[in-house]
Amino acid sequence: MIVEVVGGADERPEVRVVDVDDLTAVFLAVGAVTDEEADQALRDAGLGRVEDAQTGVLDVAALRAAAEPQAGGGDWAQRWDGVVAEAADAGRLVDDGAGLQVRVESAAGA
């Protein structure tokens, strides 16, 4: 699953949740926007924040709410719960379990 922050209409960054059925990795893809713009866009969307150039934190419940309606498989909720459990085991849950720490990558073509 990818949370993209890319330049949008009127030069305002847009946040999109894409590839929701691919739960092998969850990451933040940032296009041609500054870290500050990406952070503000994520906060405005209620999906999380940018910690630094390499790390973001996504709100677990908000991300689930944004992604689940787009999911194609009937077992998506169980697979998502597995992702969250693995993140907890790996020490990547923050904010008392409400945030999922993810890597930040460049959004190709953005």
Protein backbone atom coordinates (compact mmCIF):
# COMPACT_ATOMS: atom_id res chain seq x y z
CA MET A 1 0.00 0.00 0.00
CA ILE A 2 1.26 3.44 -0.86
CA VAL A 3 0.25 6.79 0.55
CA GLU A 4 1.20 9.34 -2.10
CA VAL A 5 1.68 13.05 -1.57
CA VAL A 6 2.01 14.70 -4.95
CA GLY A 7 1.52 18.10 -6.49
CA GLY A 8 -2.13 18.70 -7.19
CA ALA A 9 -4.45 21.32 -8.59
CA ASP A 10 -3.53 24.94 -7.90
CA GLU A 11 -0.08 23.79 -6.73
CA ARG A 12 -1.62 22.29 -3.58
CA PRO A 13 -0.36 18.81 -2.65
CA GLU A 14 -2.82 15.94 -2.90
CA VAL A 15 -2.83 12.83 -0.72
CA ARG A 16 -3.91 9.52 -2.26
CA VAL A 17 -3.99 5.99 -0.91
CA VAL A 18 -3.18 3.56 -3.74
CA ASP A 19 -2.28 -0.11 -4.25
CA VAL A 20 -4.38 -0.96 -1.21
CA ASP A 21 -4.46 -4.69 -1.96
CA ASP A 22 -0.65 -4.97 -1.89
CA LEU A 23 0.06 -5.22 1.82
CA THR A 24 3.59 -6.61 1.42
CA ALA A 25 4.85 -3.10 2.22
CA VAL A 26 3.32 0.17 3.39
CA PHE A 27 5.20 3.35 2.59
CA LEU A 28 4.89 7.05 1.92
CA ALA A 29 5.72 8.28 -1.59
CA VAL A 30 6.42 11.99 -1.88
CA GLY A 31 6.44 13.76 -5.23
CA ALA A 32 7.60 17.23 -6.16
CA VAL A 33 6.65 18.83 -2.85
CA THR A 34 8.75 19.86 0.13
CA ASP A 35 8.81 17.83 3.32
CA GLU A 36 6.89 20.65 4.98
CA GLU A 37 4.20 20.61 2.27
CA ALA A 38 3.94 16.83 2.49
CA ASP A 39 3.66 17.00 6.27
CA GLN A 40 0.91 19.61 6.11
CA ALA A 41 -1.01 17.70 3.42
CA LEU A 42 -0.89 14.49 5.49
CA ARG A 43 -2.02 16.32 8.61
CA ASP A 44 -4.83 18.07 6.72
CA ALA A 45 -5.98 14.70 5.33
CA GLY A 46 -5.86 13.19 8.83
CA LEU A 47 -3.55 10.42 7.62
CA GLY A 48 -0.34 11.17 9.47
CA ARG A 49 2.81 13.25 9.34
CA VAL A 50 6.35 13.44 8.01
CA GLU A 51 8.98 12.95 10.70
CA ASP A 52 12.00 13.60 8.47
CA ALA A 53 13.17 12.97 4.89
CA GLN A 54 13.30 9.20 5.48
CA THR A 55 10.47 8.57 7.93
CA GLY A 56 6.74 9.16 8.07
CA VAL A 57 4.06 8.17 10.55
CA LEU A 58 0.66 7.10 9.25
CA ASP A 59 -2.45 6.97 11.41
CA VAL A 60 -3.40 3.27 11.57
CA ALA A 61 -7.17 3.81 11.92
CA ALA A 62 -7.39 6.61 9.35
CA LEU A 63 -5.34 4.63 6.83
CA ARG A 64 -7.57 1.60 7.30
CA ALA A 65 -10.68 3.75 6.84
CA ALA A 66 -9.26 5.24 3.63
CA ALA A 67 -8.01 1.95 2.18
CA GLU A 68 -10.56 -0.70 3.14
CA PRO A 69 -13.39 0.59 0.89
CA GLN A 70 -11.03 0.29 -2.09
CA ALA A 71 -9.85 -3.23 -1.20
CA GLY A 72 -10.73 -6.07 -3.52
CA GLY A 73 -10.36 -9.11 -1.29
CA GLY A 74 -12.66 -10.36 1.42
CA ASP A 75 -9.69 -11.10 3.66
CA TRP A 76 -8.26 -7.57 3.48
CA ALA A 77 -9.16 -6.67 7.08
CA GLN A 78 -7.39 -9.74 8.43
CA ARG A 79 -4.33 -9.06 6.28
CA TRP A 80 -4.27 -5.43 7.47
CA ASP A 81 -4.46 -6.59 11.08
CA GLY A 82 -1.46 -8.82 10.30
CA VAL A 83 0.49 -5.84 8.95
CA VAL A 84 -0.22 -3.89 12.13
CA ALA A 85 0.74 -6.87 14.33
CA GLU A 86 4.03 -7.31 12.44
CA ALA A 87 4.74 -3.58 12.82
CA ALA A 88 4.13 -3.87 16.55
CA ASP A 89 6.51 -6.83 16.80
CA ALA A 90 9.14 -4.85 14.86
CA GLY A 91 8.78 -1.77 17.06
CA ARG A 92 7.35 0.37 14.27
CA LEU A 93 4.15 1.39 16.05
CA VAL A 94 4.31 4.80 17.73
CA ASP A 95 1.92 7.12 19.49
CA ASP A 96 0.69 4.31 21.77
CA GLY A 97 -0.02 2.09 18.76
CA ALA A 98 -2.01 4.66 16.80
CA GLY A 99 0.79 5.45 14.33
CA LEU A 100 2.63 3.21 11.89
CA GLN A 101 6.20 4.30 11.20
CA VAL A 102 6.97 3.98 7.47
CA ARG A 103 9.78 4.85 5.08
CA VAL A 104 9.54 7.82 2.75
CA GLU A 105 10.36 7.27 -0.93
CA SER A 106 10.28 9.43 -4.00
CA ALA A 107 7.05 9.18 -6.00
CA ALA A 108 8.20 8.14 -9.47
CA GLY A 109 7.01 10.49 -12.13
CA ALA A 110 5.51 12.94 -9.67
